[in-house]
């Protein structure tokens, strides 16, 4: 998978003065990228759920596990994100006890299939 530079991601967002915004601010995004569905929206963070497949060595089977990630929600995207939207997040430096990711872009609305 080819890594994308956060400056190349085109979002129709308003300008913001948030220093932790990956588009307008100075925070660097490096590491892993995930796409998932938004399950909760808070004032400055969102919770993303997605499923992954893990192999069980003993029984030689695969099982599905759910993963929950907390991501920082920049000011410029605050009014765009709703519960059920499909979003893309990227790994960044640790911002708080539970936030290690930042929201990069909104991929799909809740109503769109």
N, C-alpha and C. Protein backbone atom coordinates (compact mmCIF):
# COMPACT_ATOMS: atom_id res chain seq x y z
N UNK A 1 0.83 -1.17 0.00
CA UNK A 1 0.00 0.00 0.00
C UNK A 1 0.88 1.24 0.00
N UNK A 2 0.63 2.14 -0.91
CA UNK A 2 1.43 3.36 -1.02
C UNK A 2 1.00 4.36 0.05
N UNK A 3 2.00 4.93 0.73
CA UNK A 3 1.70 5.92 1.76
C UNK A 3 1.37 7.25 1.10
N UNK A 4 0.42 7.96 1.68
CA UNK A 4 0.03 9.27 1.18
C UNK A 4 0.57 10.33 2.11
N UNK A 5 1.04 11.40 1.54
CA UNK A 5 1.44 12.55 2.33
C UNK A 5 0.17 13.30 2.72
N UNK A 6 0.11 13.77 3.95
CA UNK A 6 -1.11 14.44 4.41
C UNK A 6 -1.35 15.74 3.68
N UNK A 7 -0.32 16.36 3.15
CA UNK A 7 -0.50 17.60 2.41
C UNK A 7 -1.15 17.33 1.05
N UNK A 8 -1.05 16.08 0.55
CA UNK A 8 -1.64 15.74 -0.75
C UNK A 8 -3.13 15.43 -0.64
N UNK A 9 -3.60 15.15 0.55
CA UNK A 9 -5.01 14.82 0.72
C UNK A 9 -5.83 16.07 0.53
N UNK A 10 -6.77 16.02 -0.40
CA UNK A 10 -7.57 17.18 -0.73
C UNK A 10 -8.90 17.11 0.02
N UNK A 11 -9.08 18.02 0.92
CA UNK A 11 -10.34 18.12 1.66
C UNK A 11 -10.94 19.49 1.41
N UNK A 12 -12.25 19.54 1.26
CA UNK A 12 -12.94 20.81 1.13
C UNK A 12 -13.26 21.30 2.53
N UNK A 13 -12.23 21.75 3.24
CA UNK A 13 -12.42 22.18 4.61
C UNK A 13 -12.13 23.65 4.74
N UNK A 14 -12.67 24.23 5.78
CA UNK A 14 -12.39 25.63 6.07
C UNK A 14 -11.02 25.72 6.76
N UNK A 15 -10.45 26.92 6.74
CA UNK A 15 -9.18 27.12 7.42
C UNK A 15 -9.39 27.05 8.93
N UNK A 16 -8.41 26.51 9.61
CA UNK A 16 -8.51 26.42 11.06
C UNK A 16 -7.19 26.84 11.68
N UNK A 17 -7.23 27.22 12.92
CA UNK A 17 -6.04 27.62 13.66
C UNK A 17 -5.57 26.52 14.60
N UNK A 18 -6.01 25.30 14.34
CA UNK A 18 -5.68 24.16 15.19
C UNK A 18 -4.27 23.68 14.86
N UNK A 19 -3.38 23.68 15.82
CA UNK A 19 -2.01 23.22 15.61
C UNK A 19 -1.90 21.73 15.45
N UNK A 20 -2.91 20.98 15.91
CA UNK A 20 -2.90 19.52 15.83
C UNK A 20 -3.60 19.01 14.58
N UNK A 21 -4.03 19.89 13.70
CA UNK A 21 -4.68 19.49 12.45
C UNK A 21 -3.61 18.99 11.48
N UNK A 22 -3.79 17.83 10.85
CA UNK A 22 -2.77 17.32 9.93
C UNK A 22 -2.69 18.09 8.62
N UNK A 23 -3.73 18.85 8.27
CA UNK A 23 -3.75 19.59 7.01
C UNK A 23 -3.27 21.02 7.20
N UNK A 24 -3.82 21.70 8.21
CA UNK A 24 -3.49 23.11 8.43
C UNK A 24 -2.45 23.31 9.51
N UNK A 25 -2.25 22.33 10.37
CA UNK A 25 -1.34 22.46 11.50
C UNK A 25 0.03 21.89 11.20
N UNK A 26 0.77 21.62 12.26
CA UNK A 26 2.16 21.19 12.10
C UNK A 26 2.40 19.77 12.61
N UNK A 27 1.37 18.99 12.82
CA UNK A 27 1.56 17.63 13.33
C UNK A 27 1.91 16.69 12.18
N UNK A 28 2.84 15.77 12.43
CA UNK A 28 3.25 14.83 11.39
C UNK A 28 2.50 13.52 11.55
N UNK A 29 2.12 12.95 10.42
CA UNK A 29 1.42 11.67 10.41
C UNK A 29 2.38 10.64 9.85
N UNK A 30 2.66 9.61 10.65
CA UNK A 30 3.55 8.54 10.21
C UNK A 30 3.09 7.26 10.86
N UNK A 31 3.39 6.16 10.22
CA UNK A 31 2.98 4.87 10.76
C UNK A 31 1.83 4.28 9.99
N UNK A 32 0.88 3.72 10.70
CA UNK A 32 -0.22 2.98 10.08
C UNK A 32 -1.40 3.88 9.77
N UNK A 33 -2.14 3.46 8.75
CA UNK A 33 -3.38 4.12 8.34
C UNK A 33 -4.51 3.10 8.44
N UNK A 34 -5.66 3.51 8.96
CA UNK A 34 -6.80 2.63 9.08
C UNK A 34 -8.05 3.33 8.55
N UNK A 35 -8.96 2.52 8.02
CA UNK A 35 -10.28 3.03 7.66
C UNK A 35 -11.30 2.29 8.52
N UNK A 36 -12.28 3.03 9.01
CA UNK A 36 -13.28 2.41 9.87
C UNK A 36 -14.52 3.26 9.97
N UNK A 37 -15.49 2.73 10.69
CA UNK A 37 -16.77 3.40 10.86
C UNK A 37 -16.79 4.13 12.20
N UNK A 38 -17.28 5.36 12.18
CA UNK A 38 -17.35 6.18 13.39
C UNK A 38 -18.48 5.66 14.28
N UNK A 39 -18.15 5.34 15.54
CA UNK A 39 -19.18 4.84 16.45
C UNK A 39 -19.59 5.89 17.48
N UNK A 40 -18.70 6.81 17.84
CA UNK A 40 -19.03 7.88 18.78
C UNK A 40 -18.31 9.15 18.36
N UNK A 41 -18.95 10.29 18.59
CA UNK A 41 -18.35 11.59 18.30
C UNK A 41 -18.37 12.42 19.58
N UNK A 42 -17.20 12.91 19.97
CA UNK A 42 -17.07 13.78 21.13
C UNK A 42 -16.61 15.16 20.64
N UNK A 43 -16.32 16.06 21.57
CA UNK A 43 -15.97 17.43 21.20
C UNK A 43 -14.68 17.48 20.38
N UNK A 44 -13.64 16.78 20.81
CA UNK A 44 -12.36 16.83 20.10
C UNK A 44 -11.81 15.46 19.73
N UNK A 45 -12.65 14.43 19.80
CA UNK A 45 -12.19 13.10 19.39
C UNK A 45 -13.36 12.28 18.89
N UNK A 46 -12.99 11.23 18.13
CA UNK A 46 -13.98 10.29 17.62
C UNK A 46 -13.51 8.88 17.96
N UNK A 47 -14.45 7.95 17.98
CA UNK A 47 -14.15 6.54 18.22
C UNK A 47 -14.48 5.78 16.95
N UNK A 48 -13.51 4.99 16.46
CA UNK A 48 -13.65 4.27 15.20
C UNK A 48 -13.60 2.78 15.48
N UNK A 49 -14.52 2.02 14.90
CA UNK A 49 -14.56 0.57 15.01
C UNK A 49 -14.31 -0.06 13.65
N UNK A 50 -13.51 -1.13 13.63
CA UNK A 50 -13.35 -1.92 12.42
C UNK A 50 -12.99 -3.35 12.80
N UNK A 51 -13.23 -4.27 11.87
CA UNK A 51 -12.95 -5.68 12.11
C UNK A 51 -11.64 -6.07 11.43
N UNK A 52 -10.95 -7.02 12.06
CA UNK A 52 -9.73 -7.56 11.46
C UNK A 52 -9.74 -9.07 11.64
N UNK A 53 -9.00 -9.76 10.79
CA UNK A 53 -8.96 -11.22 10.81
C UNK A 53 -7.64 -11.66 11.43
N UNK A 54 -7.73 -12.55 12.43
CA UNK A 54 -6.55 -13.05 13.13
C UNK A 54 -6.53 -14.57 13.02
N UNK A 55 -5.34 -15.13 12.80
CA UNK A 55 -5.21 -16.58 12.65
C UNK A 55 -4.94 -17.22 14.00
N UNK A 56 -5.67 -18.29 14.30
CA UNK A 56 -5.47 -19.07 15.50
C UNK A 56 -4.57 -20.25 15.12
N UNK A 57 -3.35 -20.25 15.64
CA UNK A 57 -2.35 -21.26 15.25
C UNK A 57 -2.74 -22.67 15.72
N UNK A 58 -3.28 -22.78 16.91
CA UNK A 58 -3.58 -24.10 17.47
C UNK A 58 -4.64 -24.83 16.67
N UNK A 59 -5.72 -24.13 16.33
CA UNK A 59 -6.82 -24.77 15.62
C UNK A 59 -6.80 -24.53 14.12
N UNK A 60 -5.80 -23.82 13.64
CA UNK A 60 -5.62 -23.53 12.22
C UNK A 60 -6.88 -22.93 11.61
N UNK A 61 -7.43 -21.97 12.29
CA UNK A 61 -8.64 -21.28 11.85
C UNK A 61 -8.39 -19.77 11.91
N UNK A 62 -9.31 -19.04 11.32
CA UNK A 62 -9.28 -17.59 11.38
C UNK A 62 -10.47 -17.11 12.19
N UNK A 63 -10.27 -16.03 12.92
CA UNK A 63 -11.37 -15.45 13.69
C UNK A 63 -11.39 -13.94 13.48
N UNK A 64 -12.57 -13.37 13.59
CA UNK A 64 -12.73 -11.93 13.44
C UNK A 64 -12.67 -11.27 14.82
N UNK A 65 -11.91 -10.19 14.90
CA UNK A 65 -11.83 -9.41 16.12
C UNK A 65 -12.19 -7.97 15.81
N UNK A 66 -12.86 -7.32 16.75
CA UNK A 66 -13.19 -5.91 16.58
C UNK A 66 -12.13 -5.06 17.25
N UNK A 67 -11.75 -3.99 16.59
CA UNK A 67 -10.76 -3.06 17.12
C UNK A 67 -11.41 -1.69 17.26
N UNK A 68 -11.11 -1.03 18.37
CA UNK A 68 -11.64 0.30 18.64
C UNK A 68 -10.47 1.26 18.78
N UNK A 69 -10.50 2.35 18.01
CA UNK A 69 -9.43 3.35 18.01
C UNK A 69 -10.03 4.71 18.33
N UNK A 70 -9.35 5.47 19.19
CA UNK A 70 -9.72 6.85 19.48
C UNK A 70 -8.82 7.75 18.64
N UNK A 71 -9.42 8.71 17.94
CA UNK A 71 -8.67 9.60 17.06
C UNK A 71 -9.03 11.05 17.35
N UNK A 72 -8.06 11.94 17.15
CA UNK A 72 -8.27 13.37 17.35
C UNK A 72 -9.11 13.92 16.21
N UNK A 73 -10.07 14.77 16.54
CA UNK A 73 -10.97 15.39 15.57
C UNK A 73 -10.58 16.86 15.41
N UNK A 74 -9.99 17.26 14.26
CA UNK A 74 -9.60 18.66 14.07
C UNK A 74 -10.82 19.58 14.00
N UNK A 75 -10.59 20.86 14.31
CA UNK A 75 -11.67 21.85 14.31
C UNK A 75 -12.30 22.01 12.94
N UNK A 76 -11.52 21.92 11.88
CA UNK A 76 -12.04 22.16 10.54
C UNK A 76 -12.97 21.05 10.05
N UNK A 77 -12.90 19.86 10.65
CA UNK A 77 -13.76 18.74 10.24
C UNK A 77 -14.82 18.43 11.29
N UNK A 78 -14.94 19.25 12.29
CA UNK A 78 -15.83 18.97 13.42
C UNK A 78 -17.29 18.87 13.01
N UNK A 79 -17.75 19.74 12.10
CA UNK A 79 -19.16 19.74 11.72
C UNK A 79 -19.47 18.73 10.61
N UNK A 80 -18.47 18.12 9.99
CA UNK A 80 -18.68 17.19 8.88
C UNK A 80 -18.89 15.74 9.33
N UNK A 81 -18.35 15.36 10.46
CA UNK A 81 -18.33 13.97 10.89
C UNK A 81 -19.55 13.64 11.73
N UNK A 82 -20.24 12.57 11.36
CA UNK A 82 -21.41 12.07 12.08
C UNK A 82 -21.19 10.59 12.40
N UNK A 83 -21.99 10.05 13.30
CA UNK A 83 -21.90 8.64 13.66
C UNK A 83 -22.32 7.80 12.46
N UNK A 84 -21.52 6.79 12.12
CA UNK A 84 -21.81 5.91 10.99
C UNK A 84 -21.01 6.23 9.74
N UNK A 85 -20.29 7.34 9.70
CA UNK A 85 -19.49 7.71 8.53
C UNK A 85 -18.26 6.82 8.43
N UNK A 86 -17.79 6.60 7.22
CA UNK A 86 -16.56 5.87 6.97
C UNK A 86 -15.43 6.88 6.85
N UNK A 87 -14.39 6.75 7.69
CA UNK A 87 -13.31 7.74 7.74
C UNK A 87 -11.96 7.04 7.66
N UNK A 88 -10.93 7.85 7.39
CA UNK A 88 -9.55 7.37 7.35
C UNK A 88 -8.76 8.09 8.43
N UNK A 89 -8.01 7.34 9.24
CA UNK A 89 -7.18 7.91 10.29
C UNK A 89 -5.74 7.48 10.09
N UNK A 90 -4.82 8.29 10.60
CA UNK A 90 -3.40 8.00 10.50
C UNK A 90 -2.74 8.09 11.87
N UNK A 91 -1.68 7.31 12.04
CA UNK A 91 -0.97 7.28 13.31
C UNK A 91 -0.09 8.51 13.46
N UNK A 92 -0.02 9.03 14.65
CA UNK A 92 0.77 10.22 14.95
C UNK A 92 1.39 10.05 16.33
N UNK A 93 2.01 11.09 16.83
CA UNK A 93 2.58 11.01 18.17
C UNK A 93 1.45 10.92 19.19
N UNK A 94 1.78 10.52 20.37
CA UNK A 94 0.78 10.36 21.42
C UNK A 94 0.29 11.74 21.86
N UNK A 95 -1.02 11.97 21.74
CA UNK A 95 -1.60 13.26 22.11
C UNK A 95 -2.17 13.25 23.52
N UNK A 96 -2.66 12.12 23.97
CA UNK A 96 -3.17 11.98 25.33
C UNK A 96 -3.06 10.51 25.71
N UNK A 97 -3.72 10.15 26.79
CA UNK A 97 -3.62 8.78 27.28
C UNK A 97 -4.17 7.77 26.29
N UNK A 98 -5.24 8.12 25.56
CA UNK A 98 -5.87 7.15 24.66
C UNK A 98 -5.82 7.57 23.19
N UNK A 99 -5.39 8.77 22.88
CA UNK A 99 -5.40 9.25 21.50
C UNK A 99 -4.01 9.14 20.89
N UNK A 100 -3.89 8.27 19.86
CA UNK A 100 -2.64 8.07 19.13
C UNK A 100 -2.82 8.28 17.63
N UNK A 101 -4.03 8.60 17.21
CA UNK A 101 -4.36 8.75 15.80
C UNK A 101 -5.03 10.09 15.57
N UNK A 102 -5.02 10.54 14.31
CA UNK A 102 -5.68 11.78 13.93
C UNK A 102 -6.52 11.53 12.69
N UNK A 103 -7.66 12.20 12.60
CA UNK A 103 -8.56 12.05 11.45
C UNK A 103 -7.95 12.72 10.23
N UNK A 104 -7.88 12.00 9.11
CA UNK A 104 -7.31 12.54 7.88
C UNK A 104 -8.38 12.97 6.89
N UNK A 105 -9.37 12.10 6.66
CA UNK A 105 -10.40 12.45 5.69
C UNK A 105 -11.65 11.62 5.92
N UNK A 106 -12.74 12.15 5.41
CA UNK A 106 -14.02 11.45 5.42
C UNK A 106 -14.17 10.77 4.07
N UNK A 107 -14.38 9.46 4.06
CA UNK A 107 -14.45 8.71 2.81
C UNK A 107 -15.88 8.62 2.31
N UNK A 108 -16.81 8.32 3.20
CA UNK A 108 -18.18 8.06 2.77
C UNK A 108 -19.16 8.47 3.86
N UNK A 109 -20.32 8.96 3.45
CA UNK A 109 -21.38 9.31 4.39
C UNK A 109 -22.06 8.06 4.92
N UNK A 110 -22.83 8.23 5.97
CA UNK A 110 -23.57 7.12 6.56
C UNK A 110 -24.63 6.60 5.60
N UNK A 111 -25.30 7.50 4.89
CA UNK A 111 -26.42 7.12 4.03
C UNK A 111 -25.97 6.56 2.69
N UNK A 112 -24.76 6.87 2.23
CA UNK A 112 -24.28 6.41 0.94
C UNK A 112 -23.82 4.97 1.03
N UNK A 113 -24.16 4.17 0.00
CA UNK A 113 -23.72 2.77 0.00
C UNK A 113 -22.82 2.48 -1.16
